[in-house]
Amino acid sequence: MKIECVWEHNGEDSLLYFCNQIGAFTRGESKDIALKKMTHEIISYGSWLGKSVASPIEIVIVQEKISNLNI
């Protein structure tokens, strides 16, 4: 399953949003930490929706936003 994400960051913190499902996101001190959390978030979110998630999960960042906000 291909997961398209938006990566928002301010240089010190990262937020990763799943484009196809509003409400699925992860945070981390870096992009790598947020990416590592995304697989679990997608499986958990799919379970909450009552849907199974096809393996393997491939996470692709399709957009990047550098933010001035304290995220």
C-alpha atoms as a PDB file:
ATOM      1  CA  MET A   1       0.000   0.000   0.000  1.00  0.00           C
ATOM      2  CA  LYS A   2       1.379   3.388  -1.016  1.00  0.00           C
ATOM      3  CA  ILE A   3       0.883   6.111   1.611  1.00  0.00           C
ATOM      4  CA  GLU A   4       1.203   9.685   0.336  1.00  0.00           C
ATOM      5  CA  CYS A   5       2.125  12.174   3.051  1.00  0.00           C
ATOM      6  CA  VAL A   6       2.719  15.876   3.541  1.00  0.00           C
ATOM      7  CA  TRP A   7       5.733  16.758   5.676  1.00  0.00           C
ATOM      8  CA  GLU A   8       5.401  19.990   7.661  1.00  0.00           C
ATOM      9  CA  HIS A   9       8.351  21.130   9.731  1.00  0.00           C
ATOM     10  CA  ASN A  10       9.928  24.152  11.323  1.00  0.00           C
ATOM     11  CA  GLY A  11      13.505  22.938  11.508  1.00  0.00           C
ATOM     12  CA  GLU A  12      13.129  21.512  15.014  1.00  0.00           C
ATOM     13  CA  ASP A  13       9.978  19.430  14.844  1.00  0.00           C
ATOM     14  CA  SER A  14       8.132  17.442  12.182  1.00  0.00           C
ATOM     15  CA  LEU A  15       4.496  16.687  11.457  1.00  0.00           C
ATOM     16  CA  LEU A  16       3.580  14.087   8.847  1.00  0.00           C
ATOM     17  CA  TYR A  17       0.003  13.959   7.471  1.00  0.00           C
ATOM     18  CA  PHE A  18      -1.539  11.065   5.535  1.00  0.00           C
ATOM     19  CA  CYS A  19      -3.059  12.764   2.465  1.00  0.00           C
ATOM     20  CA  ASN A  20      -5.761  10.159   1.803  1.00  0.00           C
ATOM     21  CA  GLN A  21      -7.200   9.941   5.320  1.00  0.00           C
ATOM     22  CA  ILE A  22      -7.951  13.075   7.296  1.00  0.00           C
ATOM     23  CA  GLY A  23      -6.952  12.579  10.918  1.00  0.00           C
ATOM     24  CA  ALA A  24      -4.002  10.236  10.409  1.00  0.00           C
ATOM     25  CA  PHE A  25      -0.733  11.945  11.285  1.00  0.00           C
ATOM     26  CA  THR A  26       2.458  11.571  13.300  1.00  0.00           C
ATOM     27  CA  ARG A  27       4.852  13.942  15.056  1.00  0.00           C
ATOM     28  CA  GLY A  28       8.516  13.643  15.809  1.00  0.00           C
ATOM     29  CA  GLU A  29      11.665  15.536  16.687  1.00  0.00           C
ATOM     30  CA  SER A  30      12.788  14.806  13.122  1.00  0.00           C
ATOM     31  CA  LYS A  31      11.381  13.581   9.804  1.00  0.00           C
ATOM     32  CA  ASP A  32      12.867  10.114  10.392  1.00  0.00           C
ATOM     33  CA  ILE A  33      11.131   9.749  13.760  1.00  0.00           C
ATOM     34  CA  ALA A  34       7.776  10.857  12.309  1.00  0.00           C
ATOM     35  CA  LEU A  35       8.251   8.445   9.364  1.00  0.00           C
ATOM     36  CA  LYS A  36       8.979   5.519  11.698  1.00  0.00           C
ATOM     37  CA  LYS A  37       5.691   6.164  13.526  1.00  0.00           C
ATOM     38  CA  MET A  38       3.562   6.404  10.355  1.00  0.00           C
ATOM     39  CA  THR A  39       3.258   2.662   9.634  1.00  0.00           C
ATOM     40  CA  HIS A  40       1.775   2.039  13.088  1.00  0.00           C
ATOM     41  CA  GLU A  41      -0.517   5.061  12.700  1.00  0.00           C
ATOM     42  CA  ILE A  42      -1.853   3.825   9.333  1.00  0.00           C
ATOM     43  CA  ILE A  43      -2.560   0.345  10.724  1.00  0.00           C
ATOM     44  CA  SER A  44      -4.207   1.810  13.832  1.00  0.00           C
ATOM     45  CA  TYR A  45      -6.273   4.264  11.800  1.00  0.00           C
ATOM     46  CA  GLY A  46      -7.375   1.506   9.403  1.00  0.00           C
ATOM     47  CA  SER A  47      -8.428  -0.620  12.356  1.00  0.00           C
ATOM     48  CA  TRP A  48     -10.451   2.282  13.767  1.00  0.00           C
ATOM     49  CA  LEU A  49     -12.195   2.612  10.382  1.00  0.00           C
ATOM     50  CA  GLY A  50     -12.811  -1.146  10.266  1.00  0.00           C
ATOM     51  CA  LYS A  51     -10.566  -1.554   7.215  1.00  0.00           C
ATOM     52  CA  SER A  52      -7.561  -3.782   6.689  1.00  0.00           C
ATOM     53  CA  VAL A  53      -4.287  -2.301   5.483  1.00  0.00           C
ATOM     54  CA  ALA A  54      -2.428  -4.048   2.668  1.00  0.00           C
ATOM     55  CA  SER A  55       1.241  -4.840   3.218  1.00  0.00           C
ATOM     56  CA  PRO A  56       3.869  -3.760   2.492  1.00  0.00           C
ATOM     57  CA  ILE A  57       3.334  -0.113   3.384  1.00  0.00           C
ATOM     58  CA  GLU A  58       5.374   2.376   1.336  1.00  0.00           C
ATOM     59  CA  ILE A  59       5.448   5.942   2.664  1.00  0.00           C
ATOM     60  CA  VAL A  60       6.051   8.664   0.067  1.00  0.00           C
ATOM     61  CA  ILE A  61       6.354  12.366   0.874  1.00  0.00           C
ATOM     62  CA  VAL A  62       4.519  14.199  -1.906  1.00  0.00           C
ATOM     63  CA  GLN A  63       4.655  17.715  -0.465  1.00  0.00           C
ATOM     64  CA  GLU A  64       6.813  19.645   1.993  1.00  0.00           C
ATOM     65  CA  LYS A  65       5.835  22.747   3.963  1.00  0.00           C
ATOM     66  CA  ILE A  66       8.376  24.715   5.961  1.00  0.00           C
ATOM     67  CA  SER A  67       6.437  26.413   8.721  1.00  0.00           C
ATOM     68  CA  ASN A  68       7.124  29.360  10.997  1.00  0.00           C
ATOM     69  CA  LEU A  69       4.689  27.902  13.526  1.00  0.00           C
ATOM     70  CA  ASN A  70       5.829  26.069  16.625  1.00  0.00           C
ATOM     71  CA  ILE A  71       4.622  22.603  15.626  1.00  0.00           C
END
